[in-house]
N, C-alpha and C. Protein backbone atom coordinates (compact mmCIF):
# COMPACT_ATOMS: atom_id res chain seq x y z
N UNK A 1 -28.13 -6.95 30.62
CA UNK A 1 -28.34 -7.33 29.30
C UNK A 1 -27.72 -8.91 29.22
N UNK A 2 -28.21 -9.50 28.34
CA UNK A 2 -27.96 -11.19 28.20
C UNK A 2 -26.75 -11.34 27.39
N UNK A 3 -26.50 -10.48 26.45
CA UNK A 3 -25.01 -10.70 25.76
C UNK A 3 -25.65 -11.12 24.33
N UNK A 4 -26.72 -11.02 24.04
CA UNK A 4 -27.24 -11.69 22.83
C UNK A 4 -27.07 -10.78 21.53
N UNK A 5 -26.38 -9.48 21.66
CA UNK A 5 -26.37 -8.74 20.61
C UNK A 5 -25.64 -9.09 19.69
N UNK A 6 -25.89 -9.26 18.14
CA UNK A 6 -25.42 -9.57 17.41
C UNK A 6 -23.88 -8.91 17.02
N UNK A 7 -22.91 -9.78 16.71
CA UNK A 7 -21.44 -9.14 16.53
C UNK A 7 -21.32 -8.90 15.03
N UNK A 8 -20.73 -7.58 14.49
CA UNK A 8 -20.45 -7.48 13.30
C UNK A 8 -19.73 -8.27 12.65
N UNK A 9 -19.83 -8.95 11.53
CA UNK A 9 -19.05 -10.41 11.17
C UNK A 9 -17.82 -9.67 10.35
N UNK A 10 -17.80 -8.39 9.81
CA UNK A 10 -16.56 -7.64 9.20
C UNK A 10 -16.06 -6.53 9.90
N UNK A 11 -14.83 -6.24 9.95
CA UNK A 11 -14.08 -5.25 10.21
C UNK A 11 -15.02 -4.02 9.88
N UNK A 12 -15.11 -2.90 10.91
CA UNK A 12 -15.62 -1.52 10.28
C UNK A 12 -14.33 -0.88 9.60
N UNK A 13 -14.84 -0.17 8.50
CA UNK A 13 -13.92 0.43 7.61
C UNK A 13 -13.71 2.10 8.45
N UNK A 14 -12.36 2.28 8.46
CA UNK A 14 -12.23 3.84 8.67
C UNK A 14 -11.65 4.61 7.33
N UNK A 15 -12.21 5.41 7.07
CA UNK A 15 -11.67 6.17 5.78
C UNK A 15 -10.09 6.75 5.97
N UNK A 16 -9.51 6.35 4.69
CA UNK A 16 -7.99 6.87 4.94
C UNK A 16 -7.97 8.57 4.42
N UNK A 17 -7.12 9.25 4.92
CA UNK A 17 -6.91 10.84 4.46
C UNK A 17 -5.92 10.65 2.97
N UNK A 18 -6.46 10.57 2.01
CA UNK A 18 -5.78 10.50 0.94
C UNK A 18 -4.57 11.27 0.52
N UNK A 19 -4.98 12.90 0.72
CA UNK A 19 -4.24 13.80 0.53
C UNK A 19 -2.76 13.88 1.88
N UNK A 20 -3.49 13.47 2.77
CA UNK A 20 -2.64 13.54 4.30
C UNK A 20 -1.38 12.33 3.57
N UNK A 21 -2.05 11.08 3.43
CA UNK A 21 -1.00 9.81 3.09
C UNK A 21 -0.11 10.33 1.92
N UNK A 22 -0.85 10.90 0.71
CA UNK A 22 0.38 11.18 -0.36
C UNK A 22 1.45 12.27 0.01
N UNK A 23 1.10 13.10 0.64
CA UNK A 23 1.82 13.99 1.07
C UNK A 23 3.04 13.64 2.02
N UNK A 24 2.65 12.84 2.89
CA UNK A 24 3.62 12.11 3.66
C UNK A 24 4.61 11.23 2.91
N UNK A 25 4.05 10.15 2.02
CA UNK A 25 4.70 9.19 1.44
C UNK A 25 5.31 9.85 0.37
N UNK A 26 4.83 10.79 -0.33
CA UNK A 26 5.93 11.61 -1.33
C UNK A 26 7.18 12.19 -0.83
N UNK A 27 7.03 12.86 0.50
CA UNK A 27 8.22 13.50 1.00
C UNK A 27 9.03 12.38 1.67
N UNK A 28 8.54 11.23 1.94
CA UNK A 28 9.46 10.00 2.56
C UNK A 28 10.05 9.71 1.07
N UNK A 29 9.44 9.03 0.16
CA UNK A 29 10.02 8.82 -0.87
C UNK A 29 10.96 9.94 -1.52
N UNK A 30 10.79 11.25 -1.50
CA UNK A 30 11.69 12.30 -2.10
C UNK A 30 13.00 12.05 -1.15
N UNK A 31 12.99 11.60 0.02
CA UNK A 31 14.04 11.69 0.98
C UNK A 31 14.83 10.44 0.33
N UNK A 32 14.38 9.18 0.15
CA UNK A 32 15.07 8.29 -0.68
C UNK A 32 15.61 8.45 -1.74
N UNK A 33 14.53 9.44 -2.65
CA UNK A 33 15.29 9.74 -4.01
C UNK A 33 16.34 10.39 -3.99
N UNK A 34 16.49 11.34 -2.80
CA UNK A 34 17.75 12.18 -2.80
C UNK A 34 18.63 11.49 -2.23
N UNK A 35 18.67 10.51 -1.55
CA UNK A 35 19.92 9.46 -1.20
C UNK A 35 20.40 8.58 -2.53
N UNK A 36 19.35 8.23 -3.21
CA UNK A 36 19.94 7.60 -4.48
C UNK A 36 20.27 8.77 -5.25
N UNK A 37 19.83 9.89 -5.44
CA UNK A 37 20.47 10.54 -6.22
C UNK A 37 21.99 11.09 -5.81
N UNK A 38 22.22 11.11 -4.25
CA UNK A 38 23.74 11.21 -4.09
C UNK A 38 24.37 10.13 -4.26
N UNK A 39 24.08 8.92 -4.10
CA UNK A 39 24.94 7.81 -4.51
C UNK A 39 24.86 7.94 -6.03
N UNK A 40 24.15 8.49 -6.82
CA UNK A 40 24.45 8.23 -8.15
C UNK A 40 25.25 9.34 -8.68
N UNK A 41 25.38 10.49 -7.97
CA UNK A 41 26.51 11.59 -8.04
C UNK A 41 27.77 11.02 -7.64
N UNK A 42 27.79 10.16 -6.51
CA UNK A 42 29.33 9.94 -6.00
C UNK A 42 29.77 8.85 -6.98
N UNK A 43 28.83 8.19 -7.39
CA UNK A 43 29.37 6.93 -8.32
C UNK A 43 29.86 7.24 -9.55
N UNK A 44 29.10 8.30 -10.11
CA UNK A 44 29.30 8.60 -11.55
C UNK A 44 30.54 9.59 -11.83
N UNK A 45 31.12 9.66 -13.17
CA UNK A 45 32.24 10.53 -13.20
C UNK A 45 31.71 11.51 -14.25
N UNK A 46 32.03 12.95 -13.67
CA UNK A 46 31.68 14.01 -14.08
C UNK A 46 32.12 15.37 -13.47
N UNK A 47 32.06 16.66 -14.28
CA UNK A 47 32.66 17.69 -13.76
C UNK A 47 31.96 18.70 -13.05
N UNK A 48 31.00 18.38 -12.36
CA UNK A 48 29.96 19.28 -12.13
C UNK A 48 30.13 19.30 -10.35
N UNK A 49 30.73 18.30 -9.94
CA UNK A 49 31.06 18.27 -8.49
C UNK A 49 29.61 18.02 -7.75
N UNK A 50 29.41 18.58 -6.47
CA UNK A 50 28.52 18.13 -5.60
C UNK A 50 27.15 18.73 -6.35
N UNK A 51 27.27 19.64 -7.20
CA UNK A 51 26.25 20.23 -7.70
C UNK A 51 25.59 19.28 -8.58
N UNK A 52 26.21 18.21 -8.97
CA UNK A 52 25.45 17.09 -9.94
C UNK A 52 24.62 16.42 -8.88
N UNK A 53 24.42 16.57 -7.65
CA UNK A 53 23.46 15.92 -6.84
C UNK A 53 21.83 16.59 -7.34
N UNK A 54 21.89 17.62 -7.76
CA UNK A 54 20.50 18.55 -8.30
C UNK A 54 20.64 18.26 -9.91
N UNK A 55 21.85 18.65 -10.65
CA UNK A 55 21.87 18.87 -11.93
C UNK A 55 21.53 17.55 -12.57
N UNK A 56 22.47 16.59 -12.33
CA UNK A 56 22.74 15.36 -13.21
C UNK A 56 21.50 14.44 -12.85
N UNK A 57 21.50 14.07 -11.66
CA UNK A 57 20.30 13.18 -11.19
C UNK A 57 19.41 13.75 -10.22
N UNK A 58 18.88 14.91 -10.15
CA UNK A 58 18.11 15.47 -9.38
C UNK A 58 16.44 15.13 -9.80
N UNK A 59 16.51 14.54 -11.20
CA UNK A 59 15.07 14.10 -11.62
C UNK A 59 14.86 12.93 -10.79
N UNK A 60 15.77 12.19 -10.48
CA UNK A 60 15.25 11.04 -9.47
C UNK A 60 14.71 11.09 -8.30
N UNK A 61 14.89 12.36 -7.49
CA UNK A 61 14.46 12.84 -6.47
C UNK A 61 12.79 13.01 -6.46
N UNK A 62 12.61 13.70 -7.90
CA UNK A 62 10.95 13.94 -8.27
C UNK A 62 10.49 12.99 -8.65
N UNK A 63 10.86 11.89 -9.29
CA UNK A 63 10.49 10.67 -9.55
C UNK A 63 10.05 9.95 -8.41
N UNK A 64 10.92 9.75 -7.34
CA UNK A 64 10.78 8.92 -6.25
C UNK A 64 9.49 9.61 -5.57
N UNK A 65 9.68 10.81 -5.57
CA UNK A 65 8.40 11.74 -4.67
C UNK A 65 7.15 11.38 -5.28
N UNK A 66 7.27 11.54 -6.91
CA UNK A 66 5.89 11.44 -7.41
C UNK A 66 5.21 10.15 -7.64
N UNK A 67 6.11 9.06 -7.40
CA UNK A 67 5.85 7.42 -7.45
C UNK A 67 4.99 7.31 -6.05
N UNK A 68 5.91 7.74 -4.91
CA UNK A 68 5.23 7.88 -3.73
C UNK A 68 3.90 8.04 -3.26
N UNK A 69 3.76 9.55 -3.65
CA UNK A 69 2.57 10.29 -3.55
C UNK A 69 1.78 9.50 -4.55
N UNK A 70 1.89 9.10 -5.83
CA UNK A 70 0.85 8.69 -6.60
C UNK A 70 0.34 7.08 -5.88
N UNK A 71 1.18 6.39 -5.38
CA UNK A 71 0.97 5.29 -4.74
C UNK A 71 -0.13 5.44 -3.43
N UNK A 72 0.48 6.28 -2.66
CA UNK A 72 -0.31 6.34 -1.24
C UNK A 72 -1.70 7.00 -1.78
N UNK A 73 -1.81 8.09 -2.82
CA UNK A 73 -3.12 8.47 -2.91
C UNK A 73 -3.96 7.61 -3.63
N UNK A 74 -3.55 6.91 -4.50
CA UNK A 74 -4.26 5.91 -5.35
C UNK A 74 -4.68 4.70 -4.42
N UNK A 75 -3.79 4.13 -3.37
CA UNK A 75 -4.26 3.09 -2.32
C UNK A 75 -5.34 3.78 -1.59
N UNK A 76 -5.24 4.86 -1.11
CA UNK A 76 -6.28 5.58 -0.08
C UNK A 76 -7.35 5.55 -0.87
N UNK A 77 -7.35 6.37 -2.11
CA UNK A 77 -8.72 6.46 -2.73
C UNK A 77 -9.64 5.27 -3.05
N UNK A 78 -8.55 4.36 -3.60
CA UNK A 78 -9.48 2.86 -3.89
C UNK A 78 -9.81 2.44 -2.38
N UNK A 79 -9.15 2.47 -1.60
CA UNK A 79 -9.80 1.75 -0.29
C UNK A 79 -10.86 2.63 0.32
N UNK A 80 -11.19 3.97 0.16
CA UNK A 80 -12.09 4.57 0.49
C UNK A 80 -13.23 4.44 -0.55
N UNK A 81 -13.08 4.36 -1.77
CA UNK A 81 -14.10 3.91 -3.01
C UNK A 81 -14.53 2.84 -2.58
N UNK A 82 -13.89 1.55 -2.04
CA UNK A 82 -14.29 0.36 -2.32
C UNK A 82 -14.86 0.19 -0.67
N UNK A 83 -14.28 1.09 0.39
CA UNK A 83 -14.65 0.60 1.95
C UNK A 83 -14.32 -0.46 2.38
N UNK A 84 -12.90 -0.68 1.91
CA UNK A 84 -12.18 -2.10 2.15
C UNK A 84 -10.91 -1.81 2.53
N UNK A 85 -10.06 -2.80 3.20
CA UNK A 85 -8.49 -2.71 3.35
C UNK A 85 -8.13 -4.17 2.67
N UNK A 86 -7.69 -4.08 1.74
CA UNK A 86 -7.41 -5.44 1.29
C UNK A 86 -6.04 -5.39 0.14
N UNK A 87 -5.72 -6.52 -0.64
CA UNK A 87 -4.53 -6.37 -1.24
C UNK A 87 -4.74 -5.77 -2.71
N UNK A 88 -6.00 -5.56 -2.95
CA UNK A 88 -6.36 -4.66 -4.30
C UNK A 88 -6.08 -3.24 -4.18
N UNK A 89 -6.15 -2.64 -3.01
CA UNK A 89 -5.79 -1.23 -2.86
C UNK A 89 -4.17 -1.12 -3.23
N UNK A 90 -3.52 -2.16 -2.81
CA UNK A 90 -2.10 -2.09 -3.06
C UNK A 90 -1.46 -2.06 -4.25
N UNK A 91 -2.54 -3.36 -5.15
CA UNK A 91 -2.21 -3.18 -6.59
C UNK A 91 -2.57 -1.96 -7.30
N UNK A 92 -3.63 -1.73 -6.86
CA UNK A 92 -4.01 -0.20 -7.76
C UNK A 92 -2.98 0.91 -7.40
N UNK A 93 -2.33 1.03 -6.09
CA UNK A 93 -1.26 1.91 -5.81
C UNK A 93 0.03 1.54 -6.50
N UNK A 94 0.44 0.54 -6.56
CA UNK A 94 1.71 -0.13 -7.50
C UNK A 94 1.41 0.27 -8.83
N UNK A 95 0.25 -0.03 -9.39
CA UNK A 95 0.29 0.14 -10.66
C UNK A 95 0.57 1.62 -11.01
N UNK A 96 -0.39 2.78 -10.05
CA UNK A 96 -0.13 4.02 -10.51
C UNK A 96 1.02 4.50 -10.30
N UNK A 97 2.11 3.90 -9.35
CA UNK A 97 3.44 4.28 -9.18
C UNK A 97 4.36 3.60 -10.35
N UNK A 98 4.02 2.22 -10.67
CA UNK A 98 4.95 1.80 -11.73
C UNK A 98 4.56 2.60 -13.05
N UNK A 99 3.22 2.83 -13.50
CA UNK A 99 2.83 3.61 -14.73
C UNK A 99 4.04 4.86 -14.66
N UNK A 100 3.97 5.51 -13.54
CA UNK A 100 4.76 6.78 -13.24
C UNK A 100 6.12 6.67 -13.76
N UNK A 101 6.74 5.44 -13.12
CA UNK A 101 8.08 5.16 -13.36
C UNK A 101 8.09 4.94 -15.06
N UNK A 102 7.12 4.04 -15.53
CA UNK A 102 7.30 3.63 -16.90
C UNK A 102 7.24 4.83 -17.87
N UNK A 103 6.45 6.06 -17.28
CA UNK A 103 6.56 7.31 -18.44
C UNK A 103 7.68 7.98 -18.31
N UNK A 104 8.50 7.76 -17.28
CA UNK A 104 10.07 8.48 -17.21
C UNK A 104 10.79 8.06 -18.41
N UNK A 105 10.48 7.00 -18.87
CA UNK A 105 11.22 6.15 -20.22
C UNK A 105 10.58 6.87 -21.39
N UNK A 106 9.44 7.50 -21.30
CA UNK A 106 8.88 7.73 -22.36
C UNK A 106 8.26 6.37 -23.49
N UNK A 107 7.80 5.70 -22.84
CA UNK A 107 7.44 4.28 -23.57
C UNK A 107 5.81 4.00 -22.61
N UNK A 108 5.07 4.03 -23.33
CA UNK A 108 3.71 3.34 -22.96
C UNK A 108 3.95 2.04 -22.70
N UNK A 109 4.31 1.10 -23.62
CA UNK A 109 4.76 -0.39 -23.13
C UNK A 109 5.49 -0.60 -22.03
N UNK A 110 6.35 0.27 -21.61
CA UNK A 110 7.16 0.01 -20.44
C UNK A 110 6.31 0.52 -19.42
N UNK A 111 5.64 1.65 -19.39
CA UNK A 111 4.85 2.18 -18.11
C UNK A 111 3.71 0.91 -18.13
N UNK A 112 3.15 0.37 -18.99
CA UNK A 112 1.96 -0.55 -18.60
C UNK A 112 2.89 -1.61 -18.02
N UNK A 113 4.02 -2.17 -18.40
CA UNK A 113 4.60 -3.42 -18.11
C UNK A 113 5.06 -2.90 -16.64
N UNK A 114 5.71 -1.61 -16.01
CA UNK A 114 5.58 -1.38 -14.82
C UNK A 114 4.73 -1.43 -13.86
N UNK A 115 3.56 -0.76 -14.64
CA UNK A 115 2.43 -0.91 -13.74
C UNK A 115 1.96 -2.40 -13.09
N UNK A 116 1.95 -3.34 -14.28
CA UNK A 116 1.81 -4.73 -14.09
C UNK A 116 2.45 -5.23 -13.08
N UNK A 117 4.07 -5.07 -12.97
CA UNK A 117 4.82 -5.57 -12.19
C UNK A 117 4.98 -4.95 -10.75
N UNK A 118 4.96 -3.66 -10.75
CA UNK A 118 4.92 -3.13 -9.33
C UNK A 118 3.47 -3.40 -8.82
N UNK A 119 2.43 -3.29 -9.62
CA UNK A 119 1.16 -3.69 -8.78
C UNK A 119 1.03 -5.07 -8.29
N UNK A 120 1.49 -5.95 -9.10
CA UNK A 120 1.57 -7.46 -8.54
C UNK A 120 2.49 -7.39 -7.69
N UNK A 121 3.64 -7.05 -7.56
CA UNK A 121 4.66 -7.17 -6.18
C UNK A 121 3.92 -6.03 -4.88
N UNK A 122 3.09 -5.22 -5.07
CA UNK A 122 2.74 -4.53 -3.94
C UNK A 122 1.20 -5.46 -3.46
N UNK A 123 0.70 -5.99 -4.38
CA UNK A 123 -0.54 -6.84 -4.07
C UNK A 123 -0.01 -7.98 -3.33
N UNK A 124 1.24 -8.66 -3.87
CA UNK A 124 1.45 -9.87 -3.27
C UNK A 124 1.92 -9.62 -1.96
N UNK A 125 2.70 -8.33 -1.85
CA UNK A 125 3.08 -7.83 -0.32
C UNK A 125 2.08 -7.90 0.88
N UNK A 126 1.27 -6.77 0.25
CA UNK A 126 -0.01 -6.59 1.02
C UNK A 126 -0.96 -7.91 1.08
N UNK A 127 -1.11 -8.90 0.61
CA UNK A 127 -1.75 -10.15 0.72
C UNK A 127 -0.78 -10.98 1.68
N UNK A 128 0.34 -10.87 1.73
CA UNK A 128 1.08 -11.91 2.83
C UNK A 128 1.22 -11.13 3.65
N UNK A 129 1.16 -9.82 4.00
CA UNK A 129 1.32 -9.05 5.46
C UNK A 129 -0.41 -9.61 5.67
N UNK A 130 -1.37 -9.47 4.92
CA UNK A 130 -2.50 -9.56 5.46
C UNK A 130 -2.57 -10.99 6.42
N UNK A 131 -2.08 -11.83 5.70
CA UNK A 131 -2.02 -13.21 6.19
C UNK A 131 -1.06 -13.36 7.52
N UNK A 132 0.06 -13.04 7.40
CA UNK A 132 1.18 -13.15 8.46
C UNK A 132 0.76 -12.04 9.71
N UNK A 133 0.26 -10.90 9.22
CA UNK A 133 0.11 -9.72 10.31
C UNK A 133 -0.90 -10.04 11.05
N UNK A 134 -1.92 -10.90 11.37
CA UNK A 134 -3.22 -11.19 12.18
C UNK A 134 -2.53 -11.90 13.60
N UNK A 135 -3.04 -11.86 14.56
CA UNK A 135 -2.77 -12.64 16.02
C UNK A 135 -3.60 -13.70 15.88
N UNK A 136 -2.97 -14.80 16.63
CA UNK A 136 -3.79 -15.77 16.82
C UNK A 136 -5.10 -15.79 16.98
N UNK A 137 -5.48 -14.83 17.86
CA UNK A 137 -6.92 -14.58 18.17
C UNK A 137 -7.77 -14.20 17.10
N UNK A 138 -6.85 -13.10 16.22
CA UNK A 138 -7.94 -12.77 15.00
C UNK A 138 -8.06 -14.05 13.94
N UNK A 139 -7.23 -14.75 14.07
CA UNK A 139 -7.10 -15.88 12.88
C UNK A 139 -8.27 -16.97 13.39
N UNK A 140 -8.14 -17.18 14.64
CA UNK A 140 -9.23 -18.06 15.32
C UNK A 140 -10.30 -17.38 15.06
N UNK A 141 -10.81 -16.04 15.44
CA UNK A 141 -12.16 -15.43 15.11
C UNK A 141 -12.60 -15.67 13.96
N UNK A 142 -11.69 -15.42 12.99
CA UNK A 142 -12.15 -15.64 11.51
C UNK A 142 -12.34 -16.83 11.03
N UNK A 143 -11.64 -17.98 11.40
CA UNK A 143 -11.86 -19.22 11.10
C UNK A 143 -13.28 -19.67 11.85
N UNK A 144 -13.57 -19.27 13.20
CA UNK A 144 -15.03 -19.50 13.55
C UNK A 144 -16.20 -19.04 12.85
N UNK A 145 -15.98 -17.73 12.44
CA UNK A 145 -16.83 -17.17 11.62
C UNK A 145 -17.22 -17.59 10.19
N UNK A 146 -16.19 -18.28 9.93
CA UNK A 146 -16.13 -19.08 8.23
C UNK A 146 -16.70 -20.52 8.52
N UNK A 147 -16.35 -21.02 9.48
CA UNK A 147 -16.89 -22.46 9.61
C UNK A 147 -18.14 -22.57 10.47
N UNK A 148 -18.99 -23.33 10.02
CA UNK A 148 -20.26 -22.97 10.88
C UNK A 148 -20.16 -24.08 12.28
N UNK A 149 -20.72 -23.88 13.25
CA UNK A 149 -20.62 -24.44 14.34
C UNK A 149 -21.95 -25.27 14.57
N UNK A 150 -22.10 -26.28 15.65
CA UNK A 150 -23.18 -26.79 15.76
C UNK A 150 -23.92 -25.93 16.87
N UNK A 151 -25.34 -25.69 16.72
CA UNK A 151 -26.07 -24.79 17.44
C UNK A 151 -25.88 -25.23 19.13
N UNK A 152 -25.70 -24.29 20.02
CA UNK A 152 -25.44 -24.43 21.40
C UNK A 152 -26.73 -24.96 21.88
N UNK A 153 -26.98 -25.66 22.91
CA UNK A 153 -28.32 -26.18 23.51
C UNK A 153 -28.69 -25.00 24.53
N UNK A 154 -30.12 -24.98 24.29
CA UNK A 154 -30.72 -23.83 25.17
C UNK A 154 -30.85 -24.37 26.58
N UNK A 155 -30.40 -23.70 27.32
CA UNK A 155 -30.58 -23.68 28.99
C UNK A 155 -31.84 -23.18 29.50
N UNK A 156 -32.58 -23.41 29.99
CA UNK A 156 -33.90 -23.00 30.92
C UNK A 156 -33.66 -22.54 32.29
N UNK A 157 -34.21 -21.26 32.61
CA UNK A 157 -33.98 -20.83 34.12
C UNK A 157 -34.34 -21.86 34.94
N UNK A 158 -35.16 -22.89 34.82
CA UNK A 158 -35.74 -23.68 35.85
C UNK A 158 -34.57 -25.21 36.04
N UNK A 159 -33.37 -25.08 35.06
CA UNK A 159 -32.51 -26.27 35.24
C UNK A 159 -31.54 -25.95 36.39
């Protein structure tokens, strides 16, 4: 073969397992929530002792777990629907997680504001990682694909 087969211009998309991602990230976020709840319990003054970890600030564990699961599920579902991996998926996931955090305050304006803030933060984080996370070879390939180059001279077999 002469090696003239066309190369795909874009990376091929691999679907993300939304439920598995939501479960994994939800459990991880729940562990972080348990740590935060333990710190809240240790720093607060109350008469419940160690049980305050669950009774006083246990809602923190559920909130963290729900936010993590909502983020991961939404990010994966949006990526699968759009068939692309980019910062918009992070924005959608961050918005879902922020909205849940805002609902805990029982205020729609806070929920919408949290959606905007966390969505923007996650979108920025994903976009910055997208730029910085590529190797020199990947960046060079992308640059070459973007800029047109002069056609290569045709070499004949008789030369």
